[in-house]
């Protein structure tokens, strides 16, 4: 093989976070619109297709930023109900190309909560109020005994790592948008050994190529597949490829997505796709031969 390592994103790749992180984003936006802004609740203002549109737009790998940006986007739209706001808002694909601060400015005084307050509600929903308070200093608003993190399931099977090892891909790294604490709570459930090289949100934010460089250096890898599911994952690999280390220790980006998203990621420069992490060994045989 032309590479001996694989570097994984976590959420959506190694762990199914549809009922945890994604659901926490959706519920956070709904909370502020309905319970704090007084918008009439006639259904979720944010759906999963909108979340995916923002992931494809770039700069939304951090779910705290995403919840805040989605809230600002909807507060800038007219409408007396949650679904009316969603119907009249700027198209999600266009809004996703804006920055968090740009969306906040467009919302104006309607966005009267700080980023920290939005993050706090998200963390209560995701981790439960006690963990959110202890880990992130959140002042509880919801007082939840349990969080959505309990709903997460691991997608990577040990057999998949064994199949990669049979191809000579034995070095494993992770670059995740999770904080170190949030990664630690799922790390024990992942089928990795002791030699895992990790960069978390505490080390920097995607798409900073320094995160990928940190992991590639720690692994002493000659080359790697870099598997992610957002535009920021792809951009990180592309920016890393333009560095001196990226030319010395190259990576090949792989995007995990549904067939309806392939064209968008292909337009952004992606060339290799899988629909689930279990397909990676078969792709590696083709790409690395």
C-alpha atoms as a PDB file:
ATOM      1  CA  UNK A   1       0.000   0.000   0.000  1.00  0.00           C
ATOM      2  CA  UNK A   2       1.059   3.594  -0.564  1.00  0.00           C
ATOM      3  CA  UNK A   3      -0.026   4.481   2.986  1.00  0.00           C
ATOM      4  CA  UNK A   4       0.222   2.834   6.375  1.00  0.00           C
ATOM      5  CA  UNK A   5      -2.257   4.902   8.418  1.00  0.00           C
ATOM      6  CA  UNK A   6      -5.838   6.100   8.601  1.00  0.00           C
ATOM      7  CA  UNK A   7      -6.985   9.264  10.363  1.00  0.00           C
ATOM      8  CA  UNK A   8     -10.648   9.304  11.366  1.00  0.00           C
ATOM      9  CA  UNK A   9     -13.112  12.014  12.220  1.00  0.00           C
ATOM     10  CA  UNK A  10     -15.343  10.789  15.060  1.00  0.00           C
ATOM     11  CA  UNK A  11     -18.891  12.126  14.867  1.00  0.00           C
ATOM     12  CA  UNK A  12     -20.848  10.660  11.993  1.00  0.00           C
ATOM     13  CA  UNK A  13     -17.893   8.442  11.026  1.00  0.00           C
ATOM     14  CA  UNK A  14     -16.918   6.328  14.047  1.00  0.00           C
ATOM     15  CA  UNK A  15     -19.959   7.166  16.158  1.00  0.00           C
ATOM     16  CA  UNK A  16     -23.589   7.623  15.126  1.00  0.00           C
ATOM     17  CA  UNK A  17     -24.445  11.036  16.549  1.00  0.00           C
ATOM     18  CA  UNK A  18     -27.782  11.567  14.816  1.00  0.00           C
ATOM     19  CA  UNK A  19     -29.680  11.120  18.110  1.00  0.00           C
ATOM     20  CA  UNK A  20     -27.096  12.963  20.204  1.00  0.00           C
ATOM     21  CA  UNK A  21     -25.165  15.875  18.693  1.00  0.00           C
ATOM     22  CA  UNK A  22     -27.538  16.461  15.780  1.00  0.00           C
ATOM     23  CA  UNK A  23     -30.594  16.152  18.005  1.00  0.00           C
ATOM     24  CA  UNK A  24     -29.004  18.493  20.556  1.00  0.00           C
ATOM     25  CA  UNK A  25     -28.470  21.125  17.848  1.00  0.00           C
ATOM     26  CA  UNK A  26     -32.097  20.849  16.730  1.00  0.00           C
ATOM     27  CA  UNK A  27     -33.478  20.996  20.280  1.00  0.00           C
ATOM     28  CA  UNK A  28     -31.211  23.893  21.260  1.00  0.00           C
ATOM     29  CA  UNK A  29     -32.503  26.047  18.411  1.00  0.00           C
ATOM     30  CA  UNK A  30     -36.096  25.041  19.187  1.00  0.00           C
ATOM     31  CA  UNK A  31     -35.652  25.897  22.868  1.00  0.00           C
ATOM     32  CA  UNK A  32     -34.506  29.443  22.221  1.00  0.00           C
ATOM     33  CA  UNK A  33     -37.081  30.115  19.519  1.00  0.00           C
ATOM     34  CA  UNK A  34     -40.059  28.790  21.476  1.00  0.00           C
ATOM     35  CA  UNK A  35     -39.311  29.019  25.200  1.00  0.00           C
ATOM     36  CA  UNK A  36     -37.229  32.177  25.177  1.00  0.00           C
ATOM     37  CA  UNK A  37     -38.154  34.144  22.025  1.00  0.00           C
ATOM     38  CA  UNK A  38     -41.865  33.257  22.197  1.00  0.00           C
ATOM     39  CA  UNK A  39     -42.200  31.932  18.652  1.00  0.00           C
ATOM     40  CA  UNK A  40     -45.197  29.624  18.258  1.00  0.00           C
ATOM     41  CA  UNK A  41     -44.192  25.959  18.052  1.00  0.00           C
ATOM     42  CA  UNK A  42     -45.742  24.211  15.060  1.00  0.00           C
ATOM     43  CA  UNK A  43     -42.898  21.768  14.492  1.00  0.00           C
ATOM     44  CA  UNK A  44     -39.096  21.653  14.380  1.00  0.00           C
ATOM     45  CA  UNK A  45     -37.578  24.770  12.838  1.00  0.00           C
ATOM     46  CA  UNK A  46     -34.429  22.838  11.913  1.00  0.00           C
ATOM     47  CA  UNK A  47     -34.412  19.435  10.251  1.00  0.00           C
ATOM     48  CA  UNK A  48     -31.555  17.070   9.550  1.00  0.00           C
ATOM     49  CA  UNK A  49     -31.315  18.092   5.901  1.00  0.00           C
ATOM     50  CA  UNK A  50     -30.607  21.647   7.042  1.00  0.00           C
ATOM     51  CA  UNK A  51     -27.901  20.444   9.429  1.00  0.00           C
ATOM     52  CA  UNK A  52     -26.252  18.524   6.591  1.00  0.00           C
ATOM     53  CA  UNK A  53     -26.475  21.583   4.331  1.00  0.00           C
ATOM     54  CA  UNK A  54     -24.532  23.591   6.900  1.00  0.00           C
ATOM     55  CA  UNK A  55     -21.923  20.826   7.234  1.00  0.00           C
ATOM     56  CA  UNK A  56     -21.458  20.971   3.452  1.00  0.00           C
ATOM     57  CA  UNK A  57     -21.180  24.750   3.574  1.00  0.00           C
ATOM     58  CA  UNK A  58     -17.993  24.778   5.647  1.00  0.00           C
ATOM     59  CA  UNK A  59     -16.947  26.419   8.920  1.00  0.00           C
ATOM     60  CA  UNK A  60     -19.691  24.568  10.826  1.00  0.00           C
ATOM     61  CA  UNK A  61     -17.824  21.538  12.155  1.00  0.00           C
ATOM     62  CA  UNK A  62     -18.257  22.824  15.727  1.00  0.00           C
ATOM     63  CA  UNK A  63     -21.797  22.072  16.902  1.00  0.00           C
ATOM     64  CA  UNK A  64     -21.766  24.955  19.406  1.00  0.00           C
ATOM     65  CA  UNK A  65     -21.152  27.321  16.503  1.00  0.00           C
ATOM     66  CA  UNK A  66     -23.733  25.477  14.429  1.00  0.00           C
ATOM     67  CA  UNK A  67     -26.491  25.828  17.029  1.00  0.00           C
ATOM     68  CA  UNK A  68     -25.711  29.523  17.452  1.00  0.00           C
ATOM     69  CA  UNK A  69     -25.566  30.120  13.697  1.00  0.00           C
ATOM     70  CA  UNK A  70     -28.820  28.294  13.012  1.00  0.00           C
ATOM     71  CA  UNK A  71     -30.564  30.249  15.749  1.00  0.00           C
ATOM     72  CA  UNK A  72     -29.294  33.554  14.320  1.00  0.00           C
ATOM     73  CA  UNK A  73     -30.337  32.502  10.818  1.00  0.00           C
ATOM     74  CA  UNK A  74     -33.908  31.806  11.929  1.00  0.00           C
ATOM     75  CA  UNK A  75     -34.183  34.886  14.123  1.00  0.00           C
ATOM     76  CA  UNK A  76     -33.391  37.001  11.053  1.00  0.00           C
ATOM     77  CA  UNK A  77     -36.385  35.526   9.215  1.00  0.00           C
ATOM     78  CA  UNK A  78     -40.015  36.689   9.486  1.00  0.00           C
ATOM     79  CA  UNK A  79     -42.788  34.459  10.796  1.00  0.00           C
ATOM     80  CA  UNK A  80     -44.894  33.889  13.908  1.00  0.00           C
ATOM     81  CA  UNK A  81     -44.250  30.143  14.062  1.00  0.00           C
ATOM     82  CA  UNK A  82     -41.195  27.910  13.941  1.00  0.00           C
ATOM     83  CA  UNK A  83     -41.977  26.402  10.563  1.00  0.00           C
ATOM     84  CA  UNK A  84     -42.850  29.797   9.113  1.00  0.00           C
ATOM     85  CA  UNK A  85     -39.401  30.997  10.127  1.00  0.00           C
ATOM     86  CA  UNK A  86     -37.842  28.019   8.362  1.00  0.00           C
ATOM     87  CA  UNK A  87     -39.902  28.648   5.198  1.00  0.00           C
ATOM     88  CA  UNK A  88     -39.061  32.349   5.002  1.00  0.00           C
ATOM     89  CA  UNK A  89     -35.405  32.137   6.010  1.00  0.00           C
ATOM     90  CA  UNK A  90     -32.583  32.628   3.544  1.00  0.00           C
ATOM     91  CA  UNK A  91     -31.918  29.302   1.743  1.00  0.00           C
ATOM     92  CA  UNK A  92     -29.842  27.076   3.989  1.00  0.00           C
ATOM     93  CA  UNK A  93     -27.216  26.381   1.312  1.00  0.00           C
ATOM     94  CA  UNK A  94     -26.561  30.112   0.966  1.00  0.00           C
ATOM     95  CA  UNK A  95     -26.695  30.841   4.701  1.00  0.00           C
ATOM     96  CA  UNK A  96     -24.194  28.026   5.322  1.00  0.00           C
ATOM     97  CA  UNK A  97     -21.588  29.935   3.320  1.00  0.00           C
ATOM     98  CA  UNK A  98     -21.758  32.807   5.804  1.00  0.00           C
ATOM     99  CA  UNK A  99     -19.763  32.959   9.010  1.00  0.00           C
ATOM    100  CA  UNK A 100     -21.215  32.741  12.500  1.00  0.00           C
ATOM    101  CA  UNK A 101     -20.605  36.454  13.042  1.00  0.00           C
ATOM    102  CA  UNK A 102     -22.249  37.385   9.741  1.00  0.00           C
ATOM    103  CA  UNK A 103     -25.402  35.479  10.653  1.00  0.00           C
ATOM    104  CA  UNK A 104     -25.389  37.059  14.108  1.00  0.00           C
ATOM    105  CA  UNK A 105     -25.189  40.553  12.616  1.00  0.00           C
ATOM    106  CA  UNK A 106     -28.076  39.760  10.260  1.00  0.00           C
ATOM    107  CA  UNK A 107     -30.210  38.689  13.241  1.00  0.00           C
ATOM    108  CA  UNK A 108     -29.518  41.998  14.988  1.00  0.00           C
ATOM    109  CA  UNK A 109     -31.117  42.640  18.398  1.00  0.00           C
ATOM    110  CA  UNK A 110     -33.392  39.593  17.995  1.00  0.00           C
ATOM    111  CA  UNK A 111     -30.345  37.525  18.935  1.00  0.00           C
ATOM    112  CA  UNK A 112     -30.175  38.599  22.555  1.00  0.00           C
ATOM    113  CA  UNK A 113     -28.384  35.529  23.901  1.00  0.00           C
ATOM    114  CA  UNK A 114     -24.648  35.074  23.971  1.00  0.00           C
ATOM    115  CA  UNK A 115     -22.775  32.241  22.296  1.00  0.00           C
ATOM    116  CA  UNK A 116     -21.976  30.936  25.789  1.00  0.00           C
ATOM    117  CA  UNK A 117     -25.675  30.767  26.685  1.00  0.00           C
ATOM    118  CA  UNK A 118     -26.479  28.818  23.529  1.00  0.00           C
ATOM    119  CA  UNK A 119     -23.540  26.517  24.165  1.00  0.00           C
ATOM    120  CA  UNK A 120     -24.827  25.980  27.709  1.00  0.00           C
ATOM    121  CA  UNK A 121     -28.259  24.763  26.588  1.00  0.00           C
ATOM    122  CA  UNK A 122     -26.624  22.529  23.979  1.00  0.00           C
ATOM    123  CA  UNK A 123     -24.388  20.972  26.622  1.00  0.00           C
ATOM    124  CA  UNK A 124     -27.284  20.387  29.000  1.00  0.00           C
ATOM    125  CA  UNK A 125     -29.122  18.584  26.229  1.00  0.00           C
ATOM    126  CA  UNK A 126     -26.070  16.595  25.166  1.00  0.00           C
ATOM    127  CA  UNK A 127     -24.383  15.783  28.474  1.00  0.00           C
ATOM    128  CA  UNK A 128     -27.080  16.477  31.063  1.00  0.00           C
ATOM    129  CA  UNK A 129     -27.085  19.503  33.356  1.00  0.00           C
ATOM    130  CA  UNK A 130     -24.725  18.173  36.037  1.00  0.00           C
ATOM    131  CA  UNK A 131     -21.982  17.220  33.563  1.00  0.00           C
ATOM    132  CA  UNK A 132     -22.476  20.474  31.636  1.00  0.00           C
ATOM    133  CA  UNK A 133     -22.031  22.467  34.830  1.00  0.00           C
ATOM    134  CA  UNK A 134     -18.977  20.526  36.005  1.00  0.00           C
ATOM    135  CA  UNK A 135     -17.233  20.241  32.641  1.00  0.00           C
ATOM    136  CA  UNK A 136     -18.042  23.597  31.055  1.00  0.00           C
ATOM    137  CA  UNK A 137     -19.229  25.819  33.900  1.00  0.00           C
ATOM    138  CA  UNK A 138     -22.771  25.987  32.526  1.00  0.00           C
ATOM    139  CA  UNK A 139     -25.445  27.714  34.616  1.00  0.00           C
ATOM    140  CA  UNK A 140     -28.332  25.236  34.232  1.00  0.00           C
ATOM    141  CA  UNK A 141     -31.484  26.356  32.450  1.00  0.00           C
ATOM    142  CA  UNK A 142     -33.087  22.993  31.693  1.00  0.00           C
ATOM    143  CA  UNK A 143     -32.078  20.917  34.748  1.00  0.00           C
ATOM    144  CA  UNK A 144     -31.829  17.629  32.884  1.00  0.00           C
ATOM    145  CA  UNK A 145     -30.720  14.523  34.749  1.00  0.00           C
ATOM    146  CA  UNK A 146     -29.521  12.745  31.616  1.00  0.00           C
ATOM    147  CA  UNK A 147     -28.197  13.866  28.242  1.00  0.00           C
ATOM    148  CA  UNK A 148     -28.472  12.637  24.676  1.00  0.00           C
ATOM    149  CA  UNK A 149     -24.892  11.318  24.707  1.00  0.00           C
ATOM    150  CA  UNK A 150     -26.352   8.065  26.051  1.00  0.00           C
ATOM    151  CA  UNK A 151     -28.034   7.540  22.665  1.00  0.00           C
ATOM    152  CA  UNK A 152     -24.746   7.244  20.736  1.00  0.00           C
ATOM    153  CA  UNK A 153     -23.758   3.996  19.060  1.00  0.00           C
ATOM    154  CA  UNK A 154     -20.316   3.009  17.763  1.00  0.00           C
ATOM    155  CA  UNK A 155     -20.138   2.402  14.007  1.00  0.00           C
ATOM    156  CA  UNK A 156     -16.599   1.035  13.689  1.00  0.00           C
ATOM    157  CA  UNK A 157     -16.209  -2.692  14.273  1.00  0.00           C
ATOM    158  CA  UNK A 158     -12.966  -4.390  15.300  1.00  0.00           C
ATOM    159  CA  UNK A 159     -13.190  -6.504  12.147  1.00  0.00           C
ATOM    160  CA  UNK A 160     -12.806  -3.350  10.080  1.00  0.00           C
ATOM    161  CA  UNK A 161      -9.517  -2.522  11.798  1.00  0.00           C
ATOM    162  CA  UNK A 162      -8.349  -6.090  11.297  1.00  0.00           C
ATOM    163  CA  UNK A 163      -9.119  -5.839   7.579  1.00  0.00           C
ATOM    164  CA  UNK A 164      -7.121  -2.606   7.378  1.00  0.00           C
ATOM    165  CA  UNK A 165      -4.239  -4.188   9.284  1.00  0.00           C
ATOM    166  CA  UNK A 166      -4.204  -7.068   6.788  1.00  0.00           C
ATOM    167  CA  UNK A 167      -3.495  -4.438   4.125  1.00  0.00           C
ATOM    168  CA  UNK A 168      -0.612  -2.988   6.141  1.00  0.00           C
ATOM    169  CA  UNK A 169      -2.621  -0.067   7.527  1.00  0.00           C
ATOM    170  CA  UNK A 170      -1.813  -0.377  11.209  1.00  0.00           C
ATOM    171  CA  UNK A 171      -1.407   3.216  12.406  1.00  0.00           C
ATOM    172  CA  UNK A 172      -4.602   4.884  13.607  1.00  0.00           C
ATOM    173  CA  UNK A 173      -5.247   8.535  14.323  1.00  0.00           C
ATOM    174  CA  UNK A 174      -8.210  10.730  15.183  1.00  0.00           C
ATOM    175  CA  UNK A 175      -8.874  14.408  14.476  1.00  0.00           C
ATOM    176  CA  UNK A 176     -12.155  15.347  16.123  1.00  0.00           C
ATOM    177  CA  UNK A 177     -14.220  18.436  16.749  1.00  0.00           C
ATOM    178  CA  UNK A 178     -15.018  17.071  20.218  1.00  0.00           C
ATOM    179  CA  UNK A 179     -13.299  18.475  23.253  1.00  0.00           C
ATOM    180  CA  UNK A 180     -10.846  16.143  24.957  1.00  0.00           C
ATOM    181  CA  UNK A 181     -13.384  15.475  27.724  1.00  0.00           C
ATOM    182  CA  UNK A 182     -16.178  14.607  25.297  1.00  0.00           C
ATOM    183  CA  UNK A 183     -13.848  12.350  23.309  1.00  0.00           C
ATOM    184  CA  UNK A 184     -12.687  10.597  26.467  1.00  0.00           C
ATOM    185  CA  UNK A 185     -16.240   9.523  27.305  1.00  0.00           C
ATOM    186  CA  UNK A 186     -16.551   7.637  24.001  1.00  0.00           C
ATOM    187  CA  UNK A 187     -12.887   6.560  23.602  1.00  0.00           C
ATOM    188  CA  UNK A 188     -13.286   3.433  25.735  1.00  0.00           C
ATOM    189  CA  UNK A 189     -16.090   2.194  23.473  1.00  0.00           C
ATOM    190  CA  UNK A 190     -14.010   2.434  20.293  1.00  0.00           C
ATOM    191  CA  UNK A 191     -12.036  -0.678  19.261  1.00  0.00           C
ATOM    192  CA  UNK A 192      -8.635   1.052  19.272  1.00  0.00           C
ATOM    193  CA  UNK A 193      -5.418  -0.060  20.903  1.00  0.00           C
ATOM    194  CA  UNK A 194      -2.959   2.001  22.916  1.00  0.00           C
ATOM    195  CA  UNK A 195      -1.110   3.623  20.014  1.00  0.00           C
ATOM    196  CA  UNK A 196      -3.898   6.021  19.032  1.00  0.00           C
ATOM    197  CA  UNK A 197      -2.794   9.551  18.050  1.00  0.00           C
ATOM    198  CA  UNK A 198      -5.467  12.164  18.810  1.00  0.00           C
ATOM    199  CA  UNK A 199      -6.103  15.856  18.138  1.00  0.00           C
ATOM    200  CA  UNK A 200      -9.251  17.354  19.660  1.00  0.00           C
ATOM    201  CA  UNK A 201     -11.009  20.707  19.613  1.00  0.00           C
ATOM    202  CA  UNK A 202      -8.833  21.657  22.588  1.00  0.00           C
ATOM    203  CA  UNK A 203      -5.838  21.542  20.217  1.00  0.00           C
ATOM    204  CA  UNK A 204      -7.426  23.691  17.511  1.00  0.00           C
ATOM    205  CA  UNK A 205     -10.345  23.910  15.139  1.00  0.00           C
ATOM    206  CA  UNK A 206     -10.902  22.299  11.770  1.00  0.00           C
ATOM    207  CA  UNK A 207     -10.025  23.008   8.997  1.00  0.00           C
ATOM    208  CA  UNK A 208      -6.641  23.951  10.504  1.00  0.00           C
ATOM    209  CA  UNK A 209      -4.116  21.610   8.807  1.00  0.00           C
ATOM    210  CA  UNK A 210      -1.899  21.733  11.912  1.00  0.00           C
ATOM    211  CA  UNK A 211      -4.282  19.246  13.542  1.00  0.00           C
ATOM    212  CA  UNK A 212      -3.690  16.698  10.805  1.00  0.00           C
ATOM    213  CA  UNK A 213       0.041  17.440  10.847  1.00  0.00           C
ATOM    214  CA  UNK A 214       0.114  16.801  14.596  1.00  0.00           C
ATOM    215  CA  UNK A 215      -1.442  13.361  14.192  1.00  0.00           C
ATOM    216  CA  UNK A 216       0.616  12.362  11.131  1.00  0.00           C
ATOM    217  CA  UNK A 217       3.810  13.295  12.963  1.00  0.00           C
ATOM    218  CA  UNK A 218       2.792  11.408  16.104  1.00  0.00           C
ATOM    219  CA  UNK A 219       2.045   8.323  14.022  1.00  0.00           C
ATOM    220  CA  UNK A 220       5.264   8.665  11.999  1.00  0.00           C
ATOM    221  CA  UNK A 221       3.072   7.692   9.046  1.00  0.00           C
ATOM    222  CA  UNK A 222       4.371   7.603   5.507  1.00  0.00           C
ATOM    223  CA  UNK A 223       0.864   8.301   4.183  1.00  0.00           C
ATOM    224  CA  UNK A 224      -2.751   8.049   5.278  1.00  0.00           C
ATOM    225  CA  UNK A 225      -6.382   8.002   4.358  1.00  0.00           C
ATOM    226  CA  UNK A 226      -8.202  10.880   6.108  1.00  0.00           C
ATOM    227  CA  UNK A 227     -11.870   9.988   6.614  1.00  0.00           C
ATOM    228  CA  UNK A 228     -14.429  12.688   7.401  1.00  0.00           C
ATOM    229  CA  UNK A 229     -17.999  13.724   6.717  1.00  0.00           C
ATOM    230  CA  UNK A 230     -17.983  17.535   6.484  1.00  0.00           C
ATOM    231  CA  UNK A 231     -16.520  20.168   4.198  1.00  0.00           C
ATOM    232  CA  UNK A 232     -14.158  21.212   6.994  1.00  0.00           C
ATOM    233  CA  UNK A 233     -12.736  17.665   7.057  1.00  0.00           C
ATOM    234  CA  UNK A 234     -12.081  17.876   3.327  1.00  0.00           C
ATOM    235  CA  UNK A 235     -10.616  21.389   3.547  1.00  0.00           C
ATOM    236  CA  UNK A 236      -8.298  20.344   6.369  1.00  0.00           C
ATOM    237  CA  UNK A 237      -6.866  17.529   4.238  1.00  0.00           C
ATOM    238  CA  UNK A 238      -6.564  19.798   1.194  1.00  0.00           C
ATOM    239  CA  UNK A 239      -4.743  22.504   3.159  1.00  0.00           C
ATOM    240  CA  UNK A 240      -2.467  19.942   4.772  1.00  0.00           C
ATOM    241  CA  UNK A 241      -1.560  18.626   1.301  1.00  0.00           C
ATOM    242  CA  UNK A 242      -0.151  22.054   0.410  1.00  0.00           C
ATOM    243  CA  UNK A 243       2.280  22.051   3.357  1.00  0.00           C
ATOM    244  CA  UNK A 244       5.831  20.704   3.326  1.00  0.00           C
ATOM    245  CA  UNK A 245       4.830  17.888   5.692  1.00  0.00           C
ATOM    246  CA  UNK A 246       1.829  17.129   3.505  1.00  0.00           C
ATOM    247  CA  UNK A 247       4.110  16.542   0.556  1.00  0.00           C
ATOM    248  CA  UNK A 248       6.423  14.372   2.659  1.00  0.00           C
ATOM    249  CA  UNK A 249       3.626  12.412   4.387  1.00  0.00           C
ATOM    250  CA  UNK A 250       0.644  12.680   2.009  1.00  0.00           C
ATOM    251  CA  UNK A 251      -2.988  12.066   2.904  1.00  0.00           C
ATOM    252  CA  UNK A 252      -5.859  11.019   0.674  1.00  0.00           C
ATOM    253  CA  UNK A 253      -9.197  12.484   1.803  1.00  0.00           C
ATOM    254  CA  UNK A 254     -12.217  10.181   1.923  1.00  0.00           C
ATOM    255  CA  UNK A 255     -15.708  11.584   2.448  1.00  0.00           C
ATOM    256  CA  UNK A 256     -18.430   9.551   4.151  1.00  0.00           C
ATOM    257  CA  UNK A 257     -21.777  10.752   2.855  1.00  0.00           C
ATOM    258  CA  UNK A 258     -25.016   9.699   1.209  1.00  0.00           C
ATOM    259  CA  UNK A 259     -25.369   9.524  -2.575  1.00  0.00           C
ATOM    260  CA  UNK A 260     -27.320  12.795  -2.603  1.00  0.00           C
ATOM    261  CA  UNK A 261     -24.261  14.659  -1.277  1.00  0.00           C
ATOM    262  CA  UNK A 262     -21.562  13.198  -3.521  1.00  0.00           C
ATOM    263  CA  UNK A 263     -21.875  15.841  -6.238  1.00  0.00           C
ATOM    264  CA  UNK A 264     -21.493  18.710  -3.760  1.00  0.00           C
ATOM    265  CA  UNK A 265     -18.365  17.224  -2.225  1.00  0.00           C
ATOM    266  CA  UNK A 266     -16.973  16.265  -5.619  1.00  0.00           C
ATOM    267  CA  UNK A 267     -17.358  19.893  -6.696  1.00  0.00           C
ATOM    268  CA  UNK A 268     -15.300  20.852  -3.633  1.00  0.00           C
ATOM    269  CA  UNK A 269     -12.502  18.516  -4.729  1.00  0.00           C
ATOM    270  CA  UNK A 270     -13.297  15.159  -3.096  1.00  0.00           C
ATOM    271  CA  UNK A 271     -12.530  12.074  -5.187  1.00  0.00           C
ATOM    272  CA  UNK A 272     -13.133   9.138  -2.859  1.00  0.00           C
ATOM    273  CA  UNK A 273     -16.406   8.313  -1.091  1.00  0.00           C
ATOM    274  CA  UNK A 274     -17.865   5.735   1.260  1.00  0.00           C
ATOM    275  CA  UNK A 275     -21.375   5.479   2.717  1.00  0.00           C
ATOM    276  CA  UNK A 276     -20.309   3.811   5.975  1.00  0.00           C
ATOM    277  CA  UNK A 277     -16.995   3.254   7.707  1.00  0.00           C
ATOM    278  CA  UNK A 278     -17.163  -0.508   7.080  1.00  0.00           C
ATOM    279  CA  UNK A 279     -16.542   0.167   3.372  1.00  0.00           C
ATOM    280  CA  UNK A 280     -13.104   1.670   4.050  1.00  0.00           C
ATOM    281  CA  UNK A 281     -10.976  -1.514   3.633  1.00  0.00           C
ATOM    282  CA  UNK A 282     -12.438  -2.149   0.175  1.00  0.00           C
ATOM    283  CA  UNK A 283     -11.758   1.450  -0.842  1.00  0.00           C
ATOM    284  CA  UNK A 284      -8.211   1.237   0.557  1.00  0.00           C
ATOM    285  CA  UNK A 285      -7.460  -1.745  -1.659  1.00  0.00           C
ATOM    286  CA  UNK A 286      -8.377   0.347  -4.699  1.00  0.00           C
ATOM    287  CA  UNK A 287      -6.823   3.665  -3.720  1.00  0.00           C
ATOM    288  CA  UNK A 288      -3.598   2.344  -2.230  1.00  0.00           C
ATOM    289  CA  UNK A 289      -2.751  -0.361  -4.732  1.00  0.00           C
END
